[in-house]
C-alpha atoms as a PDB file:
ATOM      1  CA  MET A   1     142.747 179.524  -7.506  1.00  0.00           C
ATOM      2  CA  LYS A   2     144.630 176.679  -9.440  1.00  0.00           C
ATOM      3  CA  ARG A   3     147.298 178.364 -11.843  1.00  0.00           C
ATOM      4  CA  THR A   4     147.022 176.240 -14.798  1.00  0.00           C
ATOM      5  CA  GLY A   5     149.712 177.593 -17.108  1.00  0.00           C
ATOM      6  CA  PRO A   6     149.299 178.128 -20.985  1.00  0.00           C
ATOM      7  CA  THR A   7     146.478 176.392 -22.621  1.00  0.00           C
ATOM      8  CA  SER A   8     147.505 176.681 -26.180  1.00  0.00           C
ATOM      9  CA  TYR A   9     149.283 173.761 -27.465  1.00  0.00           C
ATOM     10  CA  GLN A  10     151.684 175.185 -29.419  1.00  0.00           C
ATOM     11  CA  VAL A  11     152.751 177.617 -26.555  1.00  0.00           C
ATOM     12  CA  GLN A  12     153.019 174.225 -24.401  1.00  0.00           C
ATOM     13  CA  GLU A  13     155.102 172.350 -27.091  1.00  0.00           C
ATOM     14  CA  LEU A  14     157.473 175.404 -27.642  1.00  0.00           C
ATOM     15  CA  LEU A  15     157.729 175.395 -23.730  1.00  0.00           C
ATOM     16  CA  ALA A  16     158.913 171.739 -23.482  1.00  0.00           C
ATOM     17  CA  GLU A  17     161.437 172.618 -25.790  1.00  0.00           C
ATOM     18  CA  LEU A  18     162.608 175.276 -23.764  1.00  0.00           C
ATOM     19  CA  GLU A  19     162.721 173.520 -20.830  1.00  0.00           C
ATOM     20  CA  GLU A  20     165.150 171.096 -22.444  1.00  0.00           C
ATOM     21  CA  LYS A  21     167.720 173.741 -23.348  1.00  0.00           C
ATOM     22  CA  GLY A  22     167.061 175.640 -20.716  1.00  0.00           C
ATOM     23  CA  LYS A  23     169.138 173.059 -18.621  1.00  0.00           C
ATOM     24  CA  LYS A  24     172.084 174.279 -20.526  1.00  0.00           C
ATOM     25  CA  SER A  25     171.688 177.250 -21.378  1.00  0.00           C
ATOM     26  CA  LYS A  26     170.320 180.321 -19.083  1.00  0.00           C
ATOM     27  CA  LEU A  27     168.975 182.476 -22.187  1.00  0.00           C
ATOM     28  CA  TRP A  28     166.140 179.690 -23.002  1.00  0.00           C
ATOM     29  CA  GLN A  29     165.632 179.197 -19.357  1.00  0.00           C
ATOM     30  CA  ARG A  30     164.802 182.805 -19.092  1.00  0.00           C
ATOM     31  CA  VAL A  31     162.387 182.676 -22.096  1.00  0.00           C
ATOM     32  CA  SER A  32     160.393 179.659 -20.997  1.00  0.00           C
ATOM     33  CA  GLU A  33     160.151 181.999 -17.402  1.00  0.00           C
ATOM     34  CA  ASP A  34     158.770 184.805 -19.468  1.00  0.00           C
ATOM     35  CA  ILE A  35     156.563 182.617 -21.564  1.00  0.00           C
ATOM     36  CA  GLN A  36     154.809 181.034 -18.687  1.00  0.00           C
ATOM     37  CA  MET A  37     153.727 184.343 -17.738  1.00  0.00           C
ATOM     38  CA  PRO A  38     149.677 185.190 -17.921  1.00  0.00           C
ATOM     39  CA  THR A  39     148.772 186.085 -21.388  1.00  0.00           C
ATOM     40  CA  ARG A  40     148.204 190.192 -19.868  1.00  0.00           C
ATOM     41  CA  GLN A  41     151.587 189.867 -18.458  1.00  0.00           C
ATOM     42  CA  ARG A  42     153.841 188.980 -21.437  1.00  0.00           C
ATOM     43  CA  ARG A  43     156.187 191.626 -23.319  1.00  0.00           C
ATOM     44  CA  LEU A  44     154.495 193.869 -25.860  1.00  0.00           C
ATOM     45  CA  VAL A  45     157.584 195.221 -28.026  1.00  0.00           C
ATOM     46  CA  ASN A  46     156.914 197.847 -30.825  1.00  0.00           C
ATOM     47  CA  VAL A  47     159.366 198.049 -33.893  1.00  0.00           C
ATOM     48  CA  TYR A  48     160.501 201.255 -32.714  1.00  0.00           C
ATOM     49  CA  LYS A  49     162.209 199.683 -29.729  1.00  0.00           C
ATOM     50  CA  ILE A  50     164.196 197.285 -31.397  1.00  0.00           C
ATOM     51  CA  GLU A  51     165.471 199.983 -33.800  1.00  0.00           C
ATOM     52  CA  LYS A  52     166.480 201.869 -30.581  1.00  0.00           C
ATOM     53  CA  TYR A  53     168.005 198.824 -28.991  1.00  0.00           C
ATOM     54  CA  ALA A  54     169.432 196.278 -31.590  1.00  0.00           C
ATOM     55  CA  GLN A  55     172.645 196.795 -33.499  1.00  0.00           C
ATOM     56  CA  ALA A  56     172.410 195.999 -36.728  1.00  0.00           C
ATOM     57  CA  GLY A  57     173.348 192.429 -37.912  1.00  0.00           C
ATOM     58  CA  GLU A  58     172.159 191.488 -34.195  1.00  0.00           C
ATOM     59  CA  THR A  59     169.278 188.401 -33.222  1.00  0.00           C
ATOM     60  CA  VAL A  60     166.448 189.677 -30.947  1.00  0.00           C
ATOM     61  CA  VAL A  61     164.227 187.495 -28.928  1.00  0.00           C
ATOM     62  CA  VAL A  62     161.031 189.036 -27.522  1.00  0.00           C
ATOM     63  CA  PRO A  63     158.830 186.382 -25.444  1.00  0.00           C
ATOM     64  CA  GLY A  64     155.628 187.986 -26.462  1.00  0.00           C
ATOM     65  CA  LYS A  65     154.049 189.607 -29.355  1.00  0.00           C
ATOM     66  CA  VAL A  66     155.987 192.354 -31.852  1.00  0.00           C
ATOM     67  CA  LEU A  67     153.731 195.357 -32.824  1.00  0.00           C
ATOM     68  CA  SER A  68     154.240 197.759 -35.982  1.00  0.00           C
ATOM     69  CA  VAL A  69     154.580 201.296 -34.246  1.00  0.00           C
ATOM     70  CA  GLY A  70     157.599 202.802 -35.442  1.00  0.00           C
ATOM     71  CA  GLU A  71     160.353 202.365 -38.441  1.00  0.00           C
ATOM     72  CA  LEU A  72     163.330 200.011 -38.510  1.00  0.00           C
ATOM     73  CA  THR A  73     166.430 200.663 -40.797  1.00  0.00           C
ATOM     74  CA  LYS A  74     168.698 198.060 -39.534  1.00  0.00           C
ATOM     75  CA  LYS A  75     168.779 194.481 -40.629  1.00  0.00           C
ATOM     76  CA  VAL A  76     167.663 192.594 -37.334  1.00  0.00           C
ATOM     77  CA  ASP A  77     166.772 189.121 -36.918  1.00  0.00           C
ATOM     78  CA  VAL A  78     163.682 188.866 -34.584  1.00  0.00           C
ATOM     79  CA  ALA A  79     162.393 185.946 -32.932  1.00  0.00           C
ATOM     80  CA  ALA A  80     158.970 186.129 -30.785  1.00  0.00           C
ATOM     81  CA  LEU A  81     156.052 184.340 -29.970  1.00  0.00           C
ATOM     82  CA  LEU A  82     153.392 186.495 -32.078  1.00  0.00           C
ATOM     83  CA  PHE A  83     153.995 189.176 -34.876  1.00  0.00           C
ATOM     84  CA  SER A  84     151.578 191.714 -35.962  1.00  0.00           C
ATOM     85  CA  ALA A  85     151.275 191.440 -39.730  1.00  0.00           C
ATOM     86  CA  GLU A  86     152.831 195.187 -40.241  1.00  0.00           C
ATOM     87  CA  ALA A  87     155.510 194.194 -37.785  1.00  0.00           C
ATOM     88  CA  LYS A  88     156.427 191.476 -39.775  1.00  0.00           C
ATOM     89  CA  LYS A  89     156.573 193.330 -42.548  1.00  0.00           C
ATOM     90  CA  LYS A  90     158.525 196.041 -41.184  1.00  0.00           C
ATOM     91  CA  ILE A  91     161.032 193.460 -40.318  1.00  0.00           C
ATOM     92  CA  GLU A  92     161.284 192.093 -43.691  1.00  0.00           C
ATOM     93  CA  ALA A  93     161.390 195.363 -45.570  1.00  0.00           C
ATOM     94  CA  ALA A  94     164.472 196.150 -43.720  1.00  0.00           C
ATOM     95  CA  LYS A  95     166.229 192.780 -45.044  1.00  0.00           C
ATOM     96  CA  GLY A  96     165.610 191.239 -41.349  1.00  0.00           C
ATOM     97  CA  LYS A  97     163.968 187.843 -40.703  1.00  0.00           C
ATOM     98  CA  ALA A  98     160.809 187.609 -38.612  1.00  0.00           C
ATOM     99  CA  LEU A  99     161.119 183.986 -36.898  1.00  0.00           C
ATOM    100  CA  SER A 100     159.477 181.847 -34.349  1.00  0.00           C
ATOM    101  CA  ILE A 101     160.984 180.979 -31.035  1.00  0.00           C
ATOM    102  CA  SER A 102     160.895 177.060 -31.920  1.00  0.00           C
ATOM    103  CA  GLU A 103     162.801 178.029 -35.572  1.00  0.00           C
ATOM    104  CA  LEU A 104     165.894 180.158 -33.474  1.00  0.00           C
ATOM    105  CA  LEU A 105     166.230 177.232 -31.293  1.00  0.00           C
ATOM    106  CA  GLN A 106     166.984 175.035 -33.932  1.00  0.00           C
ATOM    107  CA  GLN A 107     169.393 177.272 -35.600  1.00  0.00           C
ATOM    108  CA  ASN A 108     170.733 178.750 -31.999  1.00  0.00           C
ATOM    109  CA  PRO A 109     170.697 175.582 -29.392  1.00  0.00           C
ATOM    110  CA  GLU A 110     172.898 177.359 -27.340  1.00  0.00           C
ATOM    111  CA  GLY A 111     171.429 180.813 -27.026  1.00  0.00           C
ATOM    112  CA  LYS A 112     174.862 182.751 -28.175  1.00  0.00           C
ATOM    113  CA  ASN A 113     175.047 186.463 -29.351  1.00  0.00           C
ATOM    114  CA  VAL A 114     171.163 186.869 -28.780  1.00  0.00           C
ATOM    115  CA  ARG A 115     169.796 189.507 -27.100  1.00  0.00           C
ATOM    116  CA  ILE A 116     165.953 189.514 -24.882  1.00  0.00           C
ATOM    117  CA  LEU A 117     163.989 192.469 -25.785  1.00  0.00           C
ATOM    118  CA  GLY A 118     160.938 193.724 -23.686  1.00  0.00           C
END
């Protein structure tokens, strides 16, 4: 069978943006590769993992979905492809930001001081 890649228009648009930025930054190149995986192989990260591995004030990218299991006490900015509603509430309750990957791409085109989680 021929691999077709993501079929969602928003994901295809994001991949086009990431491909352009990936020429200059290894981080965005890696995020692009992870998003191109089949949906069942994309990363799922629970809030407790963000609590465990991210430091306060840090920016984290999840090339997949953020789920709501666990608690978050640190102020962490999280950019992801998708968020569950509860996970978004928990991140914002800890005074962090829940961003889309394209929003983070606009804010930080070089990908400096960003950690990939998952």
